[in-house]
């Protein structure tokens, strides 16, 4: 299968982009990095990716997109524009993977996930990341299961069908998304919009696309040692229910053995 991969990246207290790119590289992927202003790539970053500095775009701008005076798109808009750019630059890809720059993909994840694409007729995306807060995934044995709720918990690394991703980046609902109201009772400017996981999950549910998730996370939501939080959005540390669900580890070995109990009903 041909994978097209994007990483949305922004300045952090301690950079983590290199670790993300290294994890993708060992899975055989060369991503396009869509970097917000202020993020300076290392030599390794440039060697492991195609680096695009926002506010530059590689496709038609997402409708209603507004960047900050500094050229910052923000989490929501950068994710959507990355999806549109990825579709434009890789029109023949079989799978479109969009990651955030603090996602560490376990070794062997990509060839393993390929074995299960696509698990059902209306599966629009398979999430490589599973959040501990997702009680639907608390299976005793590792499995691959549909997420049967609106919204989504952690769009940290999601693999999409082309048709599904196209429907997301072209959705007329983009103009209505206001994110979360601030404590002052006002909605933020568009370049401060977040909660891409909620928006993606809602739009997919409305269009009757299903998200499937592994009940052991193939992705670690990484925080540098010694830091409680490295979030660009101020959402707090990745602990408790915000951490990955039983992350399999950077070098998990044979994932097919770990997930040997997977049984798929393709009409789900």
C-alpha atoms as a PDB file:
ATOM      1  CA  UNK A   1       0.000   0.000   0.000  1.00  0.00           C
ATOM      2  CA  UNK A   2       1.053   3.570  -0.635  1.00  0.00           C
ATOM      3  CA  UNK A   3       0.908   5.746   2.476  1.00  0.00           C
ATOM      4  CA  UNK A   4       0.803   9.545   2.396  1.00  0.00           C
ATOM      5  CA  UNK A   5       1.740  11.035   5.754  1.00  0.00           C
ATOM      6  CA  UNK A   6       1.473  14.497   7.275  1.00  0.00           C
ATOM      7  CA  UNK A   7       2.688  15.761  10.638  1.00  0.00           C
ATOM      8  CA  UNK A   8       1.321  18.998  12.060  1.00  0.00           C
ATOM      9  CA  UNK A   9       3.930  20.655  14.240  1.00  0.00           C
ATOM     10  CA  UNK A  10       4.229  23.731  16.447  1.00  0.00           C
ATOM     11  CA  UNK A  11       6.820  25.194  18.837  1.00  0.00           C
ATOM     12  CA  UNK A  12       6.932  23.428  22.202  1.00  0.00           C
ATOM     13  CA  UNK A  13       8.738  23.968  25.471  1.00  0.00           C
ATOM     14  CA  UNK A  14      10.924  21.031  24.477  1.00  0.00           C
ATOM     15  CA  UNK A  15      10.872  19.969  20.819  1.00  0.00           C
ATOM     16  CA  UNK A  16       9.577  16.471  20.113  1.00  0.00           C
ATOM     17  CA  UNK A  17       9.282  16.529  16.326  1.00  0.00           C
ATOM     18  CA  UNK A  18      12.519  14.614  15.750  1.00  0.00           C
ATOM     19  CA  UNK A  19      11.345  11.653  17.843  1.00  0.00           C
ATOM     20  CA  UNK A  20       8.071  11.563  15.916  1.00  0.00           C
ATOM     21  CA  UNK A  21       9.862  11.620  12.565  1.00  0.00           C
ATOM     22  CA  UNK A  22      12.287   8.922  13.651  1.00  0.00           C
ATOM     23  CA  UNK A  23       9.383   6.669  14.615  1.00  0.00           C
ATOM     24  CA  UNK A  24       7.771   7.214  11.210  1.00  0.00           C
ATOM     25  CA  UNK A  25      11.093   6.624   9.445  1.00  0.00           C
ATOM     26  CA  UNK A  26      11.594   3.226  11.076  1.00  0.00           C
ATOM     27  CA  UNK A  27       8.126   2.340   9.751  1.00  0.00           C
ATOM     28  CA  UNK A  28       9.222   3.262   6.233  1.00  0.00           C
ATOM     29  CA  UNK A  29       7.395   6.603   5.971  1.00  0.00           C
ATOM     30  CA  UNK A  30       8.674  10.008   4.848  1.00  0.00           C
ATOM     31  CA  UNK A  31       6.078  12.532   6.033  1.00  0.00           C
ATOM     32  CA  UNK A  32       5.352  16.081   5.038  1.00  0.00           C
ATOM     33  CA  UNK A  33       5.738  18.325   8.086  1.00  0.00           C
ATOM     34  CA  UNK A  34       3.452  21.355   8.229  1.00  0.00           C
ATOM     35  CA  UNK A  35       5.188  23.570  10.764  1.00  0.00           C
ATOM     36  CA  UNK A  36       3.794  26.612  12.515  1.00  0.00           C
ATOM     37  CA  UNK A  37       5.886  29.814  12.700  1.00  0.00           C
ATOM     38  CA  UNK A  38       8.641  29.678  15.308  1.00  0.00           C
ATOM     39  CA  UNK A  39       9.464  26.001  14.889  1.00  0.00           C
ATOM     40  CA  UNK A  40      13.014  25.622  13.631  1.00  0.00           C
ATOM     41  CA  UNK A  41      13.811  22.169  12.232  1.00  0.00           C
ATOM     42  CA  UNK A  42      16.977  20.282  13.085  1.00  0.00           C
ATOM     43  CA  UNK A  43      19.181  18.744  10.421  1.00  0.00           C
ATOM     44  CA  UNK A  44      17.594  15.379  11.245  1.00  0.00           C
ATOM     45  CA  UNK A  45      14.108  16.815  10.802  1.00  0.00           C
ATOM     46  CA  UNK A  46      14.967  18.049   7.315  1.00  0.00           C
ATOM     47  CA  UNK A  47      16.570  14.721   6.403  1.00  0.00           C
ATOM     48  CA  UNK A  48      13.545  12.705   7.544  1.00  0.00           C
ATOM     49  CA  UNK A  49      10.735  14.774   6.050  1.00  0.00           C
ATOM     50  CA  UNK A  50       9.490  17.252   3.497  1.00  0.00           C
ATOM     51  CA  UNK A  51       9.335  20.451   5.523  1.00  0.00           C
ATOM     52  CA  UNK A  52       6.627  23.042   4.792  1.00  0.00           C
ATOM     53  CA  UNK A  53       6.525  26.289   6.776  1.00  0.00           C
ATOM     54  CA  UNK A  54       3.118  27.749   7.458  1.00  0.00           C
ATOM     55  CA  UNK A  55       1.419  29.891   6.250  1.00  0.00           C
ATOM     56  CA  UNK A  56       2.593  28.248   2.988  1.00  0.00           C
ATOM     57  CA  UNK A  57       0.076  25.841   1.436  1.00  0.00           C
ATOM     58  CA  UNK A  58       0.327  23.126  -1.199  1.00  0.00           C
ATOM     59  CA  UNK A  59      -3.328  23.157  -2.215  1.00  0.00           C
ATOM     60  CA  UNK A  60      -6.275  25.496  -2.370  1.00  0.00           C
ATOM     61  CA  UNK A  61      -6.873  27.171   1.007  1.00  0.00           C
ATOM     62  CA  UNK A  62      -9.489  25.654   3.266  1.00  0.00           C
ATOM     63  CA  UNK A  63     -12.619  27.854   3.157  1.00  0.00           C
ATOM     64  CA  UNK A  64     -12.843  30.370   5.988  1.00  0.00           C
ATOM     65  CA  UNK A  65      -9.230  29.715   7.011  1.00  0.00           C
ATOM     66  CA  UNK A  66      -7.693  32.659   8.848  1.00  0.00           C
ATOM     67  CA  UNK A  67      -4.140  32.709  10.090  1.00  0.00           C
ATOM     68  CA  UNK A  68      -2.767  34.921  12.831  1.00  0.00           C
ATOM     69  CA  UNK A  69      -0.701  38.034  12.050  1.00  0.00           C
ATOM     70  CA  UNK A  70       2.375  35.827  12.549  1.00  0.00           C
ATOM     71  CA  UNK A  71       1.075  33.278  10.043  1.00  0.00           C
ATOM     72  CA  UNK A  72      -0.032  30.686  12.596  1.00  0.00           C
ATOM     73  CA  UNK A  73      -2.879  28.386  11.559  1.00  0.00           C
ATOM     74  CA  UNK A  74      -3.448  26.709  14.929  1.00  0.00           C
ATOM     75  CA  UNK A  75      -4.296  23.071  15.639  1.00  0.00           C
ATOM     76  CA  UNK A  76      -7.695  22.901  13.918  1.00  0.00           C
ATOM     77  CA  UNK A  77      -6.840  24.805  10.758  1.00  0.00           C
ATOM     78  CA  UNK A  78      -3.373  23.283  10.352  1.00  0.00           C
ATOM     79  CA  UNK A  79      -4.856  19.774  10.591  1.00  0.00           C
ATOM     80  CA  UNK A  80      -7.486  20.529   7.947  1.00  0.00           C
ATOM     81  CA  UNK A  81      -5.082  22.283   5.599  1.00  0.00           C
ATOM     82  CA  UNK A  82      -2.578  19.451   6.063  1.00  0.00           C
ATOM     83  CA  UNK A  83      -5.268  17.009   4.968  1.00  0.00           C
ATOM     84  CA  UNK A  84      -6.046  19.079   1.882  1.00  0.00           C
ATOM     85  CA  UNK A  85      -2.349  19.491   1.064  1.00  0.00           C
ATOM     86  CA  UNK A  86      -1.739  15.769   1.491  1.00  0.00           C
ATOM     87  CA  UNK A  87      -4.575  14.890  -0.894  1.00  0.00           C
ATOM     88  CA  UNK A  88      -3.164  17.304  -3.467  1.00  0.00           C
ATOM     89  CA  UNK A  89       0.447  16.129  -3.251  1.00  0.00           C
ATOM     90  CA  UNK A  90      -0.345  12.394  -3.074  1.00  0.00           C
ATOM     91  CA  UNK A  91      -3.420  11.817  -5.259  1.00  0.00           C
ATOM     92  CA  UNK A  92      -2.712   8.116  -5.755  1.00  0.00           C
ATOM     93  CA  UNK A  93      -2.163   7.098  -2.140  1.00  0.00           C
ATOM     94  CA  UNK A  94      -4.121   4.232  -0.611  1.00  0.00           C
ATOM     95  CA  UNK A  95      -3.930   5.549   2.971  1.00  0.00           C
ATOM     96  CA  UNK A  96      -3.645   9.086   4.368  1.00  0.00           C
ATOM     97  CA  UNK A  97      -2.067   9.313   7.815  1.00  0.00           C
ATOM     98  CA  UNK A  98      -2.168  12.581   9.798  1.00  0.00           C
ATOM     99  CA  UNK A  99      -0.154  12.791  13.022  1.00  0.00           C
ATOM    100  CA  UNK A 100       0.628  15.395  15.630  1.00  0.00           C
ATOM    101  CA  UNK A 101       4.286  16.007  16.384  1.00  0.00           C
ATOM    102  CA  UNK A 102       4.198  14.415  19.856  1.00  0.00           C
ATOM    103  CA  UNK A 103       3.011  11.062  18.469  1.00  0.00           C
ATOM    104  CA  UNK A 104       5.544   8.230  18.672  1.00  0.00           C
ATOM    105  CA  UNK A 105       4.578   5.339  16.370  1.00  0.00           C
ATOM    106  CA  UNK A 106       5.675   1.918  17.596  1.00  0.00           C
ATOM    107  CA  UNK A 107       8.035  -0.060  15.389  1.00  0.00           C
ATOM    108  CA  UNK A 108       6.139  -2.319  12.985  1.00  0.00           C
ATOM    109  CA  UNK A 109       2.851  -0.431  13.279  1.00  0.00           C
ATOM    110  CA  UNK A 110       2.437   0.472   9.612  1.00  0.00           C
ATOM    111  CA  UNK A 111       2.816  -3.009   8.058  1.00  0.00           C
ATOM    112  CA  UNK A 112       0.622  -4.412  10.839  1.00  0.00           C
ATOM    113  CA  UNK A 113      -2.149  -1.831  10.311  1.00  0.00           C
ATOM    114  CA  UNK A 114      -2.090  -2.582   6.570  1.00  0.00           C
ATOM    115  CA  UNK A 115      -3.304  -6.089   7.366  1.00  0.00           C
ATOM    116  CA  UNK A 116      -6.543  -4.584   8.756  1.00  0.00           C
ATOM    117  CA  UNK A 117      -7.378  -1.874   6.200  1.00  0.00           C
ATOM    118  CA  UNK A 118     -10.227  -1.528   5.911  1.00  0.00           C
ATOM    119  CA  UNK A 119     -12.035  -3.591   8.571  1.00  0.00           C
ATOM    120  CA  UNK A 120     -15.572  -2.650   7.461  1.00  0.00           C
ATOM    121  CA  UNK A 121     -17.436  -1.209   4.495  1.00  0.00           C
ATOM    122  CA  UNK A 122     -18.022   2.176   6.170  1.00  0.00           C
ATOM    123  CA  UNK A 123     -14.726   2.362   7.996  1.00  0.00           C
ATOM    124  CA  UNK A 124     -13.424   5.826   7.137  1.00  0.00           C
ATOM    125  CA  UNK A 125     -10.451   5.873   9.486  1.00  0.00           C
ATOM    126  CA  UNK A 126      -8.380   3.649  11.726  1.00  0.00           C
ATOM    127  CA  UNK A 127      -6.868   5.378  14.754  1.00  0.00           C
ATOM    128  CA  UNK A 128      -3.391   4.170  15.692  1.00  0.00           C
ATOM    129  CA  UNK A 129      -3.718   6.079  18.960  1.00  0.00           C
ATOM    130  CA  UNK A 130      -6.092   4.919  21.672  1.00  0.00           C
ATOM    131  CA  UNK A 131      -6.755   7.089  24.709  1.00  0.00           C
ATOM    132  CA  UNK A 132      -7.066   5.675  28.229  1.00  0.00           C
ATOM    133  CA  UNK A 133     -10.275   7.692  28.647  1.00  0.00           C
ATOM    134  CA  UNK A 134     -11.979   5.608  25.964  1.00  0.00           C
ATOM    135  CA  UNK A 135     -13.935   3.050  27.987  1.00  0.00           C
ATOM    136  CA  UNK A 136     -15.179   1.411  24.765  1.00  0.00           C
ATOM    137  CA  UNK A 137     -11.649   0.095  24.211  1.00  0.00           C
ATOM    138  CA  UNK A 138     -11.077  -1.468  27.621  1.00  0.00           C
ATOM    139  CA  UNK A 139     -10.977  -5.032  26.339  1.00  0.00           C
ATOM    140  CA  UNK A 140      -9.271  -7.768  28.311  1.00  0.00           C
ATOM    141  CA  UNK A 141      -7.449  -8.910  25.191  1.00  0.00           C
ATOM    142  CA  UNK A 142      -6.018  -6.689  22.433  1.00  0.00           C
ATOM    143  CA  UNK A 143      -8.517  -6.129  19.649  1.00  0.00           C
ATOM    144  CA  UNK A 144      -9.633  -3.822  16.846  1.00  0.00           C
ATOM    145  CA  UNK A 145     -13.074  -2.377  17.445  1.00  0.00           C
ATOM    146  CA  UNK A 146     -15.374   0.345  16.060  1.00  0.00           C
ATOM    147  CA  UNK A 147     -15.773   3.568  18.038  1.00  0.00           C
ATOM    148  CA  UNK A 148     -19.549   3.887  18.190  1.00  0.00           C
ATOM    149  CA  UNK A 149     -19.984   7.389  19.539  1.00  0.00           C
ATOM    150  CA  UNK A 150     -19.989  10.914  18.194  1.00  0.00           C
ATOM    151  CA  UNK A 151     -16.792  12.806  18.675  1.00  0.00           C
ATOM    152  CA  UNK A 152     -13.394  11.225  19.038  1.00  0.00           C
ATOM    153  CA  UNK A 153     -10.867  10.925  21.847  1.00  0.00           C
ATOM    154  CA  UNK A 154      -7.427  11.920  20.636  1.00  0.00           C
ATOM    155  CA  UNK A 155      -6.893  12.404  16.887  1.00  0.00           C
ATOM    156  CA  UNK A 156      -3.160  11.951  17.460  1.00  0.00           C
ATOM    157  CA  UNK A 157      -2.488   9.564  14.571  1.00  0.00           C
ATOM    158  CA  UNK A 158      -5.329   8.616  12.245  1.00  0.00           C
ATOM    159  CA  UNK A 159      -5.199   6.710   8.947  1.00  0.00           C
ATOM    160  CA  UNK A 160      -7.965   7.716   6.498  1.00  0.00           C
ATOM    161  CA  UNK A 161      -9.571   6.472   3.330  1.00  0.00           C
ATOM    162  CA  UNK A 162      -9.229   9.104   0.650  1.00  0.00           C
ATOM    163  CA  UNK A 163     -13.008   9.537   0.320  1.00  0.00           C
ATOM    164  CA  UNK A 164     -13.395  10.121   4.040  1.00  0.00           C
ATOM    165  CA  UNK A 165     -10.571  12.646   4.303  1.00  0.00           C
ATOM    166  CA  UNK A 166     -11.911  14.503   1.276  1.00  0.00           C
ATOM    167  CA  UNK A 167     -15.299  14.807   2.948  1.00  0.00           C
ATOM    168  CA  UNK A 168     -13.660  16.273   6.053  1.00  0.00           C
ATOM    169  CA  UNK A 169     -11.529  18.936   4.384  1.00  0.00           C
ATOM    170  CA  UNK A 170     -14.422  19.957   2.106  1.00  0.00           C
ATOM    171  CA  UNK A 171     -17.115  19.977   4.767  1.00  0.00           C
ATOM    172  CA  UNK A 172     -19.286  23.119   4.805  1.00  0.00           C
ATOM    173  CA  UNK A 173     -19.438  22.719   8.592  1.00  0.00           C
ATOM    174  CA  UNK A 174     -15.876  24.059   8.841  1.00  0.00           C
ATOM    175  CA  UNK A 175     -17.253  27.597   8.837  1.00  0.00           C
ATOM    176  CA  UNK A 176     -19.461  26.861  11.873  1.00  0.00           C
ATOM    177  CA  UNK A 177     -16.839  25.291  14.138  1.00  0.00           C
ATOM    178  CA  UNK A 178     -16.108  27.644  17.023  1.00  0.00           C
ATOM    179  CA  UNK A 179     -14.138  25.370  19.309  1.00  0.00           C
ATOM    180  CA  UNK A 180     -14.596  25.815  23.024  1.00  0.00           C
ATOM    181  CA  UNK A 181     -15.878  29.041  24.515  1.00  0.00           C
ATOM    182  CA  UNK A 182     -13.354  30.839  26.687  1.00  0.00           C
ATOM    183  CA  UNK A 183     -13.868  31.617  30.376  1.00  0.00           C
ATOM    184  CA  UNK A 184     -14.793  35.131  29.341  1.00  0.00           C
ATOM    185  CA  UNK A 185     -17.751  33.838  27.359  1.00  0.00           C
ATOM    186  CA  UNK A 186     -16.167  34.478  23.968  1.00  0.00           C
ATOM    187  CA  UNK A 187     -15.126  32.151  21.202  1.00  0.00           C
ATOM    188  CA  UNK A 188     -11.455  32.316  20.206  1.00  0.00           C
ATOM    189  CA  UNK A 189     -10.177  33.589  16.851  1.00  0.00           C
ATOM    190  CA  UNK A 190      -9.954  30.908  14.196  1.00  0.00           C
ATOM    191  CA  UNK A 191      -6.215  30.372  14.613  1.00  0.00           C
ATOM    192  CA  UNK A 192      -6.820  29.389  18.250  1.00  0.00           C
ATOM    193  CA  UNK A 193      -9.476  26.774  17.483  1.00  0.00           C
ATOM    194  CA  UNK A 194      -8.741  23.289  18.803  1.00  0.00           C
ATOM    195  CA  UNK A 195     -10.593  20.014  19.562  1.00  0.00           C
ATOM    196  CA  UNK A 196      -9.935  18.603  16.116  1.00  0.00           C
ATOM    197  CA  UNK A 197     -10.767  15.143  17.477  1.00  0.00           C
ATOM    198  CA  UNK A 198     -14.301  16.196  18.423  1.00  0.00           C
ATOM    199  CA  UNK A 199     -14.860  17.894  15.091  1.00  0.00           C
ATOM    200  CA  UNK A 200     -13.517  14.972  13.043  1.00  0.00           C
ATOM    201  CA  UNK A 201     -15.541  12.446  15.015  1.00  0.00           C
ATOM    202  CA  UNK A 202     -18.756  14.449  14.697  1.00  0.00           C
ATOM    203  CA  UNK A 203     -18.403  14.993  10.951  1.00  0.00           C
ATOM    204  CA  UNK A 204     -17.604  11.337  10.345  1.00  0.00           C
ATOM    205  CA  UNK A 205     -20.603  10.277  12.407  1.00  0.00           C
ATOM    206  CA  UNK A 206     -22.871  12.641  10.473  1.00  0.00           C
ATOM    207  CA  UNK A 207     -21.637  11.111   7.198  1.00  0.00           C
ATOM    208  CA  UNK A 208     -21.985   7.549   8.567  1.00  0.00           C
ATOM    209  CA  UNK A 209     -18.248   6.872   8.483  1.00  0.00           C
ATOM    210  CA  UNK A 210     -16.926   4.702  11.298  1.00  0.00           C
ATOM    211  CA  UNK A 211     -13.673   5.097  13.228  1.00  0.00           C
ATOM    212  CA  UNK A 212     -11.976   1.876  14.311  1.00  0.00           C
ATOM    213  CA  UNK A 213      -9.413   1.767  17.121  1.00  0.00           C
ATOM    214  CA  UNK A 214      -6.925  -0.740  18.496  1.00  0.00           C
ATOM    215  CA  UNK A 215      -7.582  -1.633  22.126  1.00  0.00           C
ATOM    216  CA  UNK A 216      -3.869  -1.337  22.826  1.00  0.00           C
ATOM    217  CA  UNK A 217      -2.443   1.925  21.575  1.00  0.00           C
ATOM    218  CA  UNK A 218       0.121   1.679  18.771  1.00  0.00           C
ATOM    219  CA  UNK A 219       1.118   5.274  19.489  1.00  0.00           C
ATOM    220  CA  UNK A 220       2.587   6.940  22.542  1.00  0.00           C
ATOM    221  CA  UNK A 221       1.548  10.504  23.435  1.00  0.00           C
ATOM    222  CA  UNK A 222       5.071  11.533  24.346  1.00  0.00           C
ATOM    223  CA  UNK A 223       6.144  14.068  26.972  1.00  0.00           C
ATOM    224  CA  UNK A 224       9.864  14.786  27.515  1.00  0.00           C
ATOM    225  CA  UNK A 225      11.215  13.403  30.807  1.00  0.00           C
ATOM    226  CA  UNK A 226      10.968  15.890  33.646  1.00  0.00           C
ATOM    227  CA  UNK A 227       8.049  17.840  32.158  1.00  0.00           C
ATOM    228  CA  UNK A 228       4.488  17.605  33.389  1.00  0.00           C
ATOM    229  CA  UNK A 229       3.172  18.993  30.130  1.00  0.00           C
ATOM    230  CA  UNK A 230       4.586  19.859  26.722  1.00  0.00           C
ATOM    231  CA  UNK A 231       1.279  20.901  25.192  1.00  0.00           C
ATOM    232  CA  UNK A 232       1.107  23.756  22.700  1.00  0.00           C
ATOM    233  CA  UNK A 233      -2.557  24.291  23.638  1.00  0.00           C
ATOM    234  CA  UNK A 234      -2.245  24.379  27.420  1.00  0.00           C
ATOM    235  CA  UNK A 235      -4.389  21.276  27.852  1.00  0.00           C
ATOM    236  CA  UNK A 236      -2.353  19.823  30.697  1.00  0.00           C
ATOM    237  CA  UNK A 237      -0.181  16.742  31.198  1.00  0.00           C
ATOM    238  CA  UNK A 238      -0.684  13.404  29.454  1.00  0.00           C
ATOM    239  CA  UNK A 239      -1.452  11.460  32.618  1.00  0.00           C
ATOM    240  CA  UNK A 240      -4.331   9.352  33.902  1.00  0.00           C
ATOM    241  CA  UNK A 241      -7.153   9.149  31.387  1.00  0.00           C
ATOM    242  CA  UNK A 242      -5.276  11.453  28.960  1.00  0.00           C
ATOM    243  CA  UNK A 243      -2.430   8.979  28.471  1.00  0.00           C
ATOM    244  CA  UNK A 244      -2.384   6.228  25.814  1.00  0.00           C
ATOM    245  CA  UNK A 245      -4.322   3.061  26.532  1.00  0.00           C
ATOM    246  CA  UNK A 246      -1.781   0.335  27.364  1.00  0.00           C
ATOM    247  CA  UNK A 247       0.802   1.518  24.842  1.00  0.00           C
ATOM    248  CA  UNK A 248       2.473  -1.536  23.327  1.00  0.00           C
ATOM    249  CA  UNK A 249       5.948   0.057  23.591  1.00  0.00           C
ATOM    250  CA  UNK A 250       8.400   1.443  21.058  1.00  0.00           C
ATOM    251  CA  UNK A 251       9.639  -2.066  20.155  1.00  0.00           C
ATOM    252  CA  UNK A 252       6.655  -4.349  20.809  1.00  0.00           C
ATOM    253  CA  UNK A 253       7.828  -7.287  18.727  1.00  0.00           C
ATOM    254  CA  UNK A 254       5.294  -9.221  16.642  1.00  0.00           C
ATOM    255  CA  UNK A 255       2.091  -7.180  16.759  1.00  0.00           C
ATOM    256  CA  UNK A 256       0.177  -9.962  15.015  1.00  0.00           C
ATOM    257  CA  UNK A 257       0.897 -12.147  18.041  1.00  0.00           C
ATOM    258  CA  UNK A 258      -0.174  -9.432  20.489  1.00  0.00           C
ATOM    259  CA  UNK A 259      -3.442  -8.849  18.580  1.00  0.00           C
ATOM    260  CA  UNK A 260      -4.068 -12.501  17.707  1.00  0.00           C
ATOM    261  CA  UNK A 261      -7.661 -12.296  19.011  1.00  0.00           C
ATOM    262  CA  UNK A 262      -8.824  -9.832  16.336  1.00  0.00           C
ATOM    263  CA  UNK A 263     -11.982 -10.993  14.593  1.00  0.00           C
ATOM    264  CA  UNK A 264     -13.682  -8.658  12.131  1.00  0.00           C
ATOM    265  CA  UNK A 265     -17.278  -8.554  10.939  1.00  0.00           C
ATOM    266  CA  UNK A 266     -16.931  -6.588   7.652  1.00  0.00           C
ATOM    267  CA  UNK A 267     -20.573  -5.427   7.664  1.00  0.00           C
ATOM    268  CA  UNK A 268     -20.306  -3.572  10.978  1.00  0.00           C
END
